[in-house]
Amino acid sequence: MRRLRQYLALTPAARALVRRSLLLLPLAATLLRARGMAHTKASLDRLGRRTSPDSAALTPREIARLVDAAASLLGTRCLPRSIVLCHLLRHGGVAGEMRLGVSKLPDGSLSAHAWVELDGQVLNDGADVSDRYATLTSSATRLRVHPPQQL
């Protein structure tokens, strides 16, 4: 009941973004498993042509918070969460950058993580995420997201 009250207290633009996130997050997770990151991004870009202009009323931090809330509700992992956030930012006219990083765990295994930055500021994780994870710098592992070109 608390979540319903929180949802109803949101602005119409925020509610629309939550609904869109609840649809895009499972889609992105499924596409990532089946086809990989490049195909997932391309598929979401095709869907972006139908994005509502309502999200322009939200700040990038608000968009990140709302995507995270939807992702938490669905149990979505960091990579689809970050890809969807980048997609929504892009189609809201904001350039962002998805980062991938790795960390060595005490047992010797590696842990990977994805997050989104805007102008060097982390949007969907703690500001210390780059201290906890070594950021992969290869152009193949970075997903630059630029707003669509104006015609």
Protein backbone atom coordinates (compact mmCIF):
# COMPACT_ATOMS: atom_id res chain seq x y z
CA MET A 1 0.00 0.00 0.00
CA ARG A 2 2.91 2.33 0.79
CA ARG A 3 4.33 1.90 -2.72
CA LEU A 4 0.97 2.71 -4.26
CA ARG A 5 0.75 5.92 -2.23
CA GLN A 6 4.29 6.85 -3.25
CA TYR A 7 3.45 6.21 -6.90
CA LEU A 8 0.25 8.26 -6.73
CA ALA A 9 2.16 11.14 -5.11
CA LEU A 10 4.43 11.40 -8.17
CA THR A 11 3.88 13.96 -10.92
CA PRO A 12 2.23 12.68 -14.12
CA ALA A 13 5.62 12.81 -15.88
CA ALA A 14 7.24 10.75 -13.14
CA ARG A 15 4.43 8.18 -13.17
CA ALA A 16 4.79 7.86 -16.96
CA LEU A 17 8.52 7.31 -16.59
CA VAL A 18 8.00 4.63 -13.92
CA ARG A 19 5.51 2.81 -16.17
CA ARG A 20 7.91 3.02 -19.12
CA SER A 21 10.77 1.74 -16.94
CA LEU A 22 8.66 -1.19 -15.74
CA LEU A 23 8.21 -2.18 -19.40
CA LEU A 24 11.76 -1.48 -20.60
CA LEU A 25 13.72 -3.09 -17.77
CA PRO A 26 12.57 -6.69 -18.36
CA LEU A 27 12.88 -6.14 -22.12
CA ALA A 28 16.46 -4.90 -21.75
CA ALA A 29 17.37 -7.81 -19.44
CA THR A 30 15.97 -10.34 -21.89
CA LEU A 31 17.65 -8.74 -24.91
CA LEU A 32 20.99 -8.55 -23.10
CA ARG A 33 20.90 -12.28 -22.37
CA ALA A 34 19.75 -13.21 -25.87
CA ARG A 35 21.57 -10.74 -28.14
CA GLY A 36 24.14 -8.67 -26.24
CA MET A 37 24.66 -5.01 -25.44
CA ALA A 38 24.90 -3.51 -28.95
CA HIS A 39 21.67 -5.17 -30.11
CA THR A 40 19.89 -4.18 -26.89
CA LYS A 41 20.88 -0.53 -27.32
CA ALA A 42 19.79 -0.56 -30.98
CA SER A 43 16.45 -2.14 -30.10
CA LEU A 44 15.78 0.41 -27.37
CA ASP A 45 16.77 3.23 -29.75
CA ARG A 46 14.10 2.05 -32.19
CA LEU A 47 11.54 2.14 -29.39
CA GLY A 48 12.73 5.61 -28.34
CA ARG A 49 11.04 7.25 -31.27
CA ARG A 50 7.80 6.85 -29.32
CA THR A 51 9.11 8.39 -26.10
CA SER A 52 6.78 10.83 -24.41
CA PRO A 53 8.05 14.40 -24.07
CA ASP A 54 6.85 14.35 -20.43
CA SER A 55 10.24 13.08 -19.26
CA ALA A 56 11.80 16.42 -20.30
CA ALA A 57 10.13 17.86 -17.16
CA LEU A 58 12.35 15.61 -15.00
CA THR A 59 15.99 16.16 -14.08
CA PRO A 60 18.55 13.44 -14.89
CA ARG A 61 18.83 12.65 -11.16
CA GLU A 62 15.04 12.26 -10.90
CA ILE A 63 15.04 9.96 -13.93
CA ALA A 64 17.82 7.87 -12.36
CA ARG A 65 15.94 7.67 -9.05
CA LEU A 66 12.73 6.57 -10.76
CA VAL A 67 14.47 3.96 -12.92
CA ASP A 68 16.20 2.64 -9.80
CA ALA A 69 12.87 2.43 -7.96
CA ALA A 70 11.32 0.45 -10.82
CA ALA A 71 14.42 -1.76 -11.10
CA SER A 72 14.36 -2.46 -7.36
CA LEU A 73 10.73 -3.48 -7.59
CA LEU A 74 11.55 -5.92 -10.41
CA GLY A 75 14.90 -7.09 -9.03
CA THR A 76 16.70 -5.89 -12.16
CA ARG A 77 20.50 -6.04 -12.19
CA CYS A 78 22.84 -3.11 -12.84
CA LEU A 79 23.49 -3.60 -16.58
CA PRO A 80 19.87 -3.50 -17.82
CA ARG A 81 19.17 -0.77 -15.25
CA SER A 82 22.00 1.38 -16.64
CA ILE A 83 21.12 0.72 -20.28
CA VAL A 84 17.51 1.75 -19.67
CA LEU A 85 18.64 4.87 -17.80
CA CYS A 86 20.95 5.82 -20.69
CA HIS A 87 18.11 5.25 -23.14
CA LEU A 88 15.68 7.43 -21.21
CA LEU A 89 18.26 10.17 -20.75
CA ARG A 90 19.11 10.15 -24.44
CA HIS A 91 15.51 10.46 -25.51
CA GLY A 92 15.05 13.21 -22.98
CA GLY A 93 17.79 15.13 -24.78
CA VAL A 94 20.58 14.50 -22.24
CA ALA A 95 23.99 13.03 -23.07
CA GLY A 96 25.17 10.46 -20.54
CA GLU A 97 27.78 7.74 -20.43
CA MET A 98 27.47 4.20 -19.19
CA ARG A 99 30.52 2.85 -17.38
CA LEU A 100 31.50 -0.74 -16.79
CA GLY A 101 33.91 -1.73 -14.05
CA VAL A 102 35.37 -4.78 -12.35
CA SER A 103 36.54 -5.54 -8.85
CA LYS A 104 38.49 -8.48 -7.46
CA LEU A 105 36.67 -10.20 -4.61
CA PRO A 106 38.43 -11.70 -1.57
CA ASP A 107 38.00 -15.22 -3.01
CA GLY A 108 39.88 -14.18 -6.17
CA SER A 109 36.85 -13.99 -8.44
CA LEU A 110 35.82 -10.87 -10.33
CA SER A 111 32.71 -8.79 -9.79
CA ALA A 112 31.42 -6.59 -12.62
CA HIS A 113 29.21 -3.51 -12.31
CA ALA A 114 27.55 -0.94 -14.58
CA TRP A 115 26.58 2.64 -13.79
CA VAL A 116 25.76 5.90 -15.59
CA GLU A 117 27.61 9.19 -15.40
CA LEU A 118 26.61 12.63 -16.58
CA ASP A 119 29.39 15.21 -16.85
CA GLY A 120 31.57 13.03 -14.61
CA GLN A 121 28.88 12.75 -11.90
CA VAL A 122 27.47 9.31 -11.05
CA LEU A 123 23.68 9.19 -11.43
CA ASN A 124 22.62 5.70 -10.37
CA ASP A 125 25.18 4.66 -7.77
CA GLY A 126 27.32 6.10 -5.02
CA ALA A 127 29.90 8.73 -5.92
CA ASP A 128 32.63 6.29 -4.80
CA VAL A 129 31.71 3.60 -7.35
CA SER A 130 34.85 4.26 -9.39
CA ASP A 131 36.88 3.71 -6.20
CA ARG A 132 35.23 0.33 -5.68
CA TYR A 133 35.47 -0.79 -9.32
CA ALA A 134 38.26 -0.39 -11.85
CA THR A 135 36.59 1.30 -14.80
CA LEU A 136 37.10 -0.45 -18.11
CA THR A 137 38.32 2.11 -20.60
CA SER A 138 38.16 0.26 -23.90
CA SER A 139 35.86 1.90 -26.41
CA ALA A 140 34.22 -1.50 -26.84
CA THR A 141 33.06 -1.48 -23.21
CA ARG A 142 31.84 2.10 -23.03
CA LEU A 143 28.43 3.07 -24.27
CA ARG A 144 28.31 6.75 -25.12
CA VAL A 145 24.81 8.09 -25.25
CA HIS A 146 24.13 11.31 -27.09
CA PRO A 147 20.79 13.02 -27.56
CA PRO A 148 19.16 12.53 -30.95
CA GLN A 149 20.12 15.07 -33.58
CA GLN A 150 17.63 17.84 -34.26
CA LEU A 151 16.35 17.96 -37.82
